[in-house]
Amino acid sequence: MGLIFNIQRFSIHDGPGIRTTVFFKGCPLRCRWCSNPESWNDYPEIVTNDAKCTKCGRCQPVCPVDAIVVDQEGRKLNHSICNLCLKCADVCPTGALAVTGQWMTVEEVMKEVEADGLFYQNSGGGVTLSGGDPLMQWEFALELLKDCKEKGIHTAIETSGYAPWEVLAKVLDYTDLALFDIKHMDAAQHQWGTGKGNELILDNARRTAAKVRTWLRVPLIPGYNDSEENLKAVARLGLEIGAEKVSLLPYHIWGKSKYGRLGRQYPMEQTPLPSDDLVRRCEKVIADVGLKATIGR
């Protein structure tokens, strides 16, 4: 079984055509700008939605560690002492306390995937495994990809590439397209932004592109990786390894509210959104090196 936190149908940003994106829980990186913080940990977690809370009080008595208090001001959950028994979500009638992360079989995921088979055929789409990072649950990902290939469904994975090559190579045997994330070309900056160095990632990017069709993906973060020097280095890497293009993914704050719902602080409060002019200039830097660049997909 695999731990999945979302299955997004009719996706048009995670590979060619209309796709179903399966989001795996668990990630080896801790990117400061991550819009899916619920994907970090490889176990189910409690998320809160205070707007749905009616202060009914059902959650408080079932908590075995007294992590929940309900008073006139509302319901408060102390995430730091929560033992993740998930009992509070079981009794919450409104979804104000909910679980992110559901254990699913390959058959259950494929039932969702196959429901949109006609769209894949007509658009040249298929299935994309994302996350988190599907390589954190590589055995489940492998079985899912095998099933897709047996049914003639185009397959793609989006990955940070932070995994042993032996694992990645097995997954790529059943992958048509790799969406390979490049956060920063400088090792120290990569460490600062994600918590990990990039040496393994860059080595795996070269090996991946030699094995399957590859797109490089860059989350474009103002003041972090939007310098001309870094973007030229990404483009040169793409040319060196034979990547088809670089996809620029402009920084956004759509996932900001999720941090509070998980009891975490959002670390990018002072980071501005990239202007259209900045995004276009970054696109031109890559194109001038000689590699195709696209924005948002």
Protein backbone atom coordinates (compact mmCIF):
# COMPACT_ATOMS: atom_id res chain seq x y z
CA MET A 1 0.00 0.00 0.00
CA GLY A 2 1.02 3.59 -0.57
CA LEU A 3 0.39 6.72 1.49
CA ILE A 4 -1.32 9.26 -0.77
CA PHE A 5 -2.44 12.75 0.23
CA ASN A 6 -4.16 13.85 -2.96
CA ILE A 7 -5.20 12.64 -6.41
CA GLN A 8 -5.73 15.58 -8.73
CA ARG A 9 -7.67 14.87 -11.89
CA PHE A 10 -7.68 17.03 -15.02
CA SER A 11 -4.20 18.35 -14.30
CA ILE A 12 -2.52 20.30 -17.11
CA HIS A 13 0.71 21.43 -15.43
CA ASP A 14 2.48 18.14 -14.66
CA GLY A 15 3.44 16.88 -18.09
CA PRO A 16 1.90 16.77 -21.56
CA GLY A 17 -1.84 16.65 -22.14
CA ILE A 18 -4.55 16.15 -19.53
CA ARG A 19 -3.23 14.12 -16.61
CA THR A 20 -4.08 12.63 -13.26
CA THR A 21 -1.48 13.60 -10.67
CA VAL A 22 -1.00 11.25 -7.71
CA PHE A 23 0.61 12.99 -4.74
CA PHE A 24 2.75 10.75 -2.53
CA LYS A 25 3.35 11.61 1.13
CA GLY A 26 6.96 11.80 2.25
CA CYS A 27 9.81 14.00 1.00
CA PRO A 28 13.58 13.97 1.66
CA LEU A 29 13.85 17.77 1.29
CA ARG A 30 12.46 20.64 3.33
CA CYS A 31 12.21 23.44 0.78
CA ARG A 32 11.51 26.76 2.45
CA TRP A 33 8.94 27.71 -0.21
CA CYS A 34 7.14 24.36 -0.33
CA SER A 35 3.44 24.70 -1.15
CA ASN A 36 2.66 21.16 0.02
CA PRO A 37 4.00 20.99 3.60
CA GLU A 38 1.52 18.20 4.30
CA SER A 39 3.69 16.06 2.01
CA TRP A 40 6.84 16.18 4.14
CA ASN A 41 6.24 13.38 6.64
CA ASP A 42 5.70 9.77 5.65
CA TYR A 43 2.78 9.18 8.02
CA PRO A 44 -0.80 10.48 8.33
CA GLU A 45 -1.19 13.82 10.17
CA ILE A 46 -3.90 16.02 11.63
CA VAL A 47 -4.75 19.26 9.82
CA THR A 48 -7.08 21.88 11.28
CA ASN A 49 -9.68 24.11 9.66
CA ASP A 50 -10.83 26.60 12.27
CA ALA A 51 -13.48 28.10 9.99
CA LYS A 52 -15.37 24.79 10.14
CA CYS A 53 -15.16 24.38 13.91
CA THR A 54 -18.50 24.67 15.76
CA LYS A 55 -16.89 24.27 19.22
CA CYS A 56 -19.01 21.16 19.80
CA GLY A 57 -16.30 19.75 22.06
CA ARG A 58 -16.41 16.17 20.84
CA CYS A 59 -12.71 16.11 20.07
CA GLN A 60 -11.41 17.08 23.52
CA PRO A 61 -12.40 14.01 25.58
CA VAL A 62 -11.10 11.49 23.03
CA CYS A 63 -7.58 12.94 22.95
CA PRO A 64 -5.38 10.64 25.09
CA VAL A 65 -2.61 13.23 25.58
CA ASP A 66 -4.74 16.34 26.30
CA ALA A 67 -3.50 18.11 23.18
CA ILE A 68 -6.91 19.68 22.55
CA VAL A 69 -8.63 22.46 24.47
CA VAL A 70 -12.10 23.76 23.57
CA ASP A 71 -13.28 27.01 25.18
CA GLN A 72 -15.25 30.11 24.30
CA GLU A 73 -12.51 31.25 21.95
CA GLY A 74 -12.63 28.03 19.97
CA ARG A 75 -10.74 24.76 19.61
CA LYS A 76 -6.97 24.74 20.05
CA LEU A 77 -4.72 21.82 19.07
CA ASN A 78 -1.19 21.62 20.47
CA HIS A 79 0.60 19.94 17.57
CA SER A 80 3.80 19.61 19.61
CA ILE A 81 2.28 17.01 21.96
CA CYS A 82 -0.21 15.40 19.55
CA ASN A 83 0.55 11.66 19.31
CA LEU A 84 -1.20 11.29 15.93
CA CYS A 85 -3.73 8.77 17.17
CA LEU A 86 -6.19 10.52 14.80
CA LYS A 87 -9.15 9.90 17.12
CA CYS A 88 -10.14 13.57 17.07
CA ALA A 89 -10.65 13.49 13.31
CA ASP A 90 -12.82 10.39 13.66
CA VAL A 91 -15.31 12.22 15.89
CA CYS A 92 -15.21 15.68 14.28
CA PRO A 93 -18.56 16.15 12.48
CA THR A 94 -17.54 19.08 10.27
CA GLY A 95 -14.00 18.32 9.07
CA ALA A 96 -12.48 21.01 11.29
CA LEU A 97 -10.04 18.27 12.31
CA ALA A 98 -9.07 16.04 9.42
CA VAL A 99 -6.41 13.57 8.39
CA THR A 100 -3.98 14.20 5.55
CA GLY A 101 -2.57 10.98 4.12
CA GLN A 102 -4.58 7.92 3.15
CA TRP A 103 -3.27 4.39 2.71
CA MET A 104 -4.33 3.08 -0.69
CA THR A 105 -3.73 -0.04 -2.75
CA VAL A 106 -2.52 0.04 -6.33
CA GLU A 107 -6.00 -1.08 -7.38
CA GLU A 108 -7.64 1.82 -5.54
CA VAL A 109 -5.35 4.38 -7.14
CA MET A 110 -5.78 2.83 -10.57
CA LYS A 111 -9.56 3.06 -10.25
CA GLU A 112 -9.17 6.84 -9.99
CA VAL A 113 -6.60 6.92 -12.77
CA GLU A 114 -8.57 4.87 -15.27
CA ALA A 115 -11.70 6.99 -14.83
CA ASP A 116 -10.09 9.61 -17.09
CA GLY A 117 -8.69 7.26 -19.72
CA LEU A 118 -10.59 8.97 -22.54
CA PHE A 119 -9.01 12.31 -21.68
CA TYR A 120 -5.53 10.78 -21.83
CA GLN A 121 -6.18 9.34 -25.27
CA ASN A 122 -7.58 12.55 -26.74
CA SER A 123 -4.96 14.89 -25.25
CA GLY A 124 -1.80 12.79 -25.16
CA GLY A 125 -1.92 12.87 -21.36
CA GLY A 126 -1.50 10.25 -18.69
CA VAL A 127 -0.46 9.81 -15.06
CA THR A 128 2.12 11.80 -13.09
CA LEU A 129 3.47 10.64 -9.74
CA SER A 130 4.36 13.64 -7.58
CA GLY A 131 4.50 14.55 -3.93
CA GLY A 132 6.34 14.92 -1.71
CA ASP A 133 8.52 12.64 -3.72
CA PRO A 134 7.37 9.30 -5.13
CA LEU A 135 10.86 7.90 -4.63
CA MET A 136 10.21 7.91 -0.87
CA GLN A 137 7.74 5.09 -1.58
CA TRP A 138 9.52 3.74 -4.60
CA GLU A 139 8.24 0.16 -4.37
CA PHE A 140 4.62 1.30 -4.43
CA ALA A 141 5.43 3.80 -7.17
CA LEU A 142 7.05 1.04 -9.22
CA GLU A 143 3.99 -1.21 -9.00
CA LEU A 144 1.71 1.67 -9.92
CA LEU A 145 3.85 2.59 -12.94
CA LYS A 146 3.96 -1.03 -14.07
CA ASP A 147 0.16 -1.21 -13.95
CA CYS A 148 -0.13 2.01 -15.93
CA LYS A 149 2.23 0.75 -18.61
CA GLU A 150 0.35 -2.54 -18.88
CA LYS A 151 -2.80 -0.52 -19.56
CA GLY A 152 -1.11 1.71 -22.13
CA ILE A 153 -1.16 4.86 -19.98
CA HIS A 154 1.64 7.43 -20.42
CA THR A 155 3.67 7.79 -17.21
CA ALA A 156 5.64 10.64 -15.66
CA ILE A 157 7.28 11.24 -12.31
CA GLU A 158 8.10 14.53 -10.65
CA THR A 159 11.08 14.09 -8.35
CA SER A 160 13.79 15.95 -6.49
CA GLY A 161 16.15 13.17 -7.55
CA TYR A 162 17.39 12.78 -3.99
CA ALA A 163 17.53 8.98 -3.84
CA PRO A 164 20.01 6.18 -4.56
CA TRP A 165 20.48 5.71 -8.30
CA GLU A 166 19.61 2.03 -7.95
CA VAL A 167 16.13 3.03 -6.75
CA LEU A 168 15.61 5.76 -9.33
CA ALA A 169 16.77 3.51 -12.18
CA LYS A 170 14.17 0.86 -11.33
CA VAL A 171 11.37 3.44 -11.35
CA LEU A 172 12.59 4.95 -14.62
CA ASP A 173 12.26 1.57 -16.33
CA TYR A 174 8.50 2.20 -16.37
CA THR A 175 8.58 5.99 -16.79
CA ASP A 176 8.04 7.85 -20.06
CA LEU A 177 8.92 11.33 -18.79
CA ALA A 178 10.92 12.61 -15.81
CA LEU A 179 10.08 16.05 -14.41
CA PHE A 180 13.35 16.63 -12.58
CA ASP A 181 13.52 19.44 -10.02
CA ILE A 182 16.60 21.66 -9.93
CA LYS A 183 16.32 24.04 -6.98
CA HIS A 184 19.79 25.63 -7.20
CA MET A 185 23.05 24.84 -8.97
CA ASP A 186 25.22 25.97 -6.05
CA ALA A 187 25.62 23.25 -3.40
CA ALA A 188 25.69 25.64 -0.42
CA GLN A 189 22.64 27.55 -1.61
CA HIS A 190 20.84 24.28 -2.26
CA GLN A 191 21.63 23.18 1.30
CA TRP A 192 20.27 26.47 2.68
CA GLY A 193 17.07 26.31 0.66
CA THR A 194 16.21 22.62 0.98
CA GLY A 195 18.21 21.16 3.86
CA LYS A 196 20.23 18.93 1.51
CA GLY A 197 23.17 19.33 -0.85
CA ASN A 198 22.74 18.91 -4.60
CA GLU A 199 25.63 16.60 -5.53
CA LEU A 200 23.51 13.43 -5.62
CA ILE A 201 20.71 15.30 -7.38
CA LEU A 202 22.89 16.61 -10.21
CA ASP A 203 24.49 13.21 -10.72
CA ASN A 204 21.07 11.59 -10.90
CA ALA A 205 19.84 14.27 -13.31
CA ARG A 206 22.59 13.33 -15.75
CA ARG A 207 21.82 9.62 -15.44
CA THR A 208 18.08 10.20 -15.72
CA ALA A 209 18.31 12.21 -18.93
CA ALA A 210 20.47 9.47 -20.46
CA LYS A 211 17.71 6.96 -19.75
CA VAL A 212 14.35 8.72 -20.33
CA ARG A 213 12.86 11.90 -21.75
CA THR A 214 13.55 14.67 -19.21
CA TRP A 215 12.27 18.15 -18.40
CA LEU A 216 14.12 20.22 -15.80
CA ARG A 217 11.86 22.16 -13.41
CA VAL A 218 12.96 25.23 -11.47
CA PRO A 219 10.82 26.78 -8.72
CA LEU A 220 11.60 30.45 -9.39
CA ILE A 221 12.20 32.11 -6.01
CA PRO A 222 13.04 35.86 -6.06
CA GLY A 223 16.33 36.58 -4.34
CA TYR A 224 17.26 32.91 -4.12
CA ASN A 225 17.71 31.25 -7.51
CA ASP A 226 16.65 33.91 -10.03
CA SER A 227 20.14 35.24 -10.73
CA GLU A 228 21.44 35.21 -14.29
CA GLU A 229 24.42 33.15 -13.14
CA ASN A 230 22.27 30.39 -11.65
CA LEU A 231 19.81 30.27 -14.55
CA LYS A 232 22.61 30.06 -17.10
CA ALA A 233 24.10 27.18 -15.11
CA VAL A 234 20.74 25.37 -15.17
CA ALA A 235 20.45 25.89 -18.92
CA ARG A 236 24.00 24.64 -19.51
CA LEU A 237 23.23 21.56 -17.44
CA GLY A 238 20.13 20.96 -19.55
CA LEU A 239 22.11 21.23 -22.78
CA GLU A 240 24.85 18.99 -21.41
CA ILE A 241 22.53 16.15 -20.45
CA GLY A 242 20.05 16.48 -23.32
CA ALA A 243 17.02 17.73 -21.37
CA GLU A 244 14.18 18.87 -23.61
CA LYS A 245 13.48 22.10 -21.76
CA VAL A 246 13.46 24.02 -18.49
CA SER A 247 10.09 24.68 -16.86
CA LEU A 248 10.06 27.82 -14.71
CA LEU A 249 7.55 27.59 -11.86
CA PRO A 250 7.09 31.09 -10.36
CA TYR A 251 6.94 31.28 -6.57
CA HIS A 252 3.43 31.63 -5.11
CA ILE A 253 1.83 31.59 -1.66
CA TRP A 254 -1.10 29.25 -2.38
CA GLY A 255 0.17 26.80 0.25
CA LYS A 256 0.84 29.39 2.97
CA SER A 257 -2.34 28.68 4.96
CA LYS A 258 -1.43 24.98 5.19
CA TYR A 259 1.47 25.73 7.54
CA GLY A 260 -0.79 27.10 10.24
CA ARG A 261 -3.18 24.20 9.81
CA LEU A 262 -0.26 21.85 10.53
CA GLY A 263 0.97 23.90 13.48
CA ARG A 264 4.02 25.24 11.63
CA GLN A 265 5.44 28.67 10.83
CA TYR A 266 5.63 29.78 7.20
CA PRO A 267 9.32 30.61 6.57
CA MET A 268 8.98 32.83 3.47
CA GLU A 269 6.95 35.75 4.80
CA GLN A 270 9.36 38.36 3.43
CA THR A 271 9.73 36.85 -0.05
CA PRO A 272 7.96 38.87 -2.79
CA LEU A 273 6.08 37.27 -5.63
CA PRO A 274 8.02 37.39 -8.92
CA SER A 275 6.81 40.06 -11.31
CA ASP A 276 5.83 39.17 -14.87
CA ASP A 277 8.85 41.13 -16.04
CA LEU A 278 11.21 39.10 -13.84
CA VAL A 279 9.73 35.81 -15.06
CA ARG A 280 10.08 36.83 -18.71
CA ARG A 281 13.67 37.96 -18.16
CA CYS A 282 14.51 34.62 -16.54
CA GLU A 283 12.90 32.80 -19.46
CA LYS A 284 15.04 34.83 -21.88
CA VAL A 285 18.26 34.03 -19.96
CA ILE A 286 17.65 30.31 -20.47
CA ALA A 287 16.57 30.71 -24.09
CA ASP A 288 19.68 32.78 -24.87
CA VAL A 289 21.85 29.87 -23.73
CA GLY A 290 20.09 27.74 -26.32
CA LEU A 291 17.56 25.68 -24.35
CA LYS A 292 13.79 25.93 -24.57
CA ALA A 293 12.08 27.46 -21.52
CA THR A 294 8.40 27.45 -20.56
CA ILE A 295 6.53 29.10 -17.70
CA GLY A 296 4.22 27.27 -15.34
CA ARG A 297 4.39 23.78 -16.87
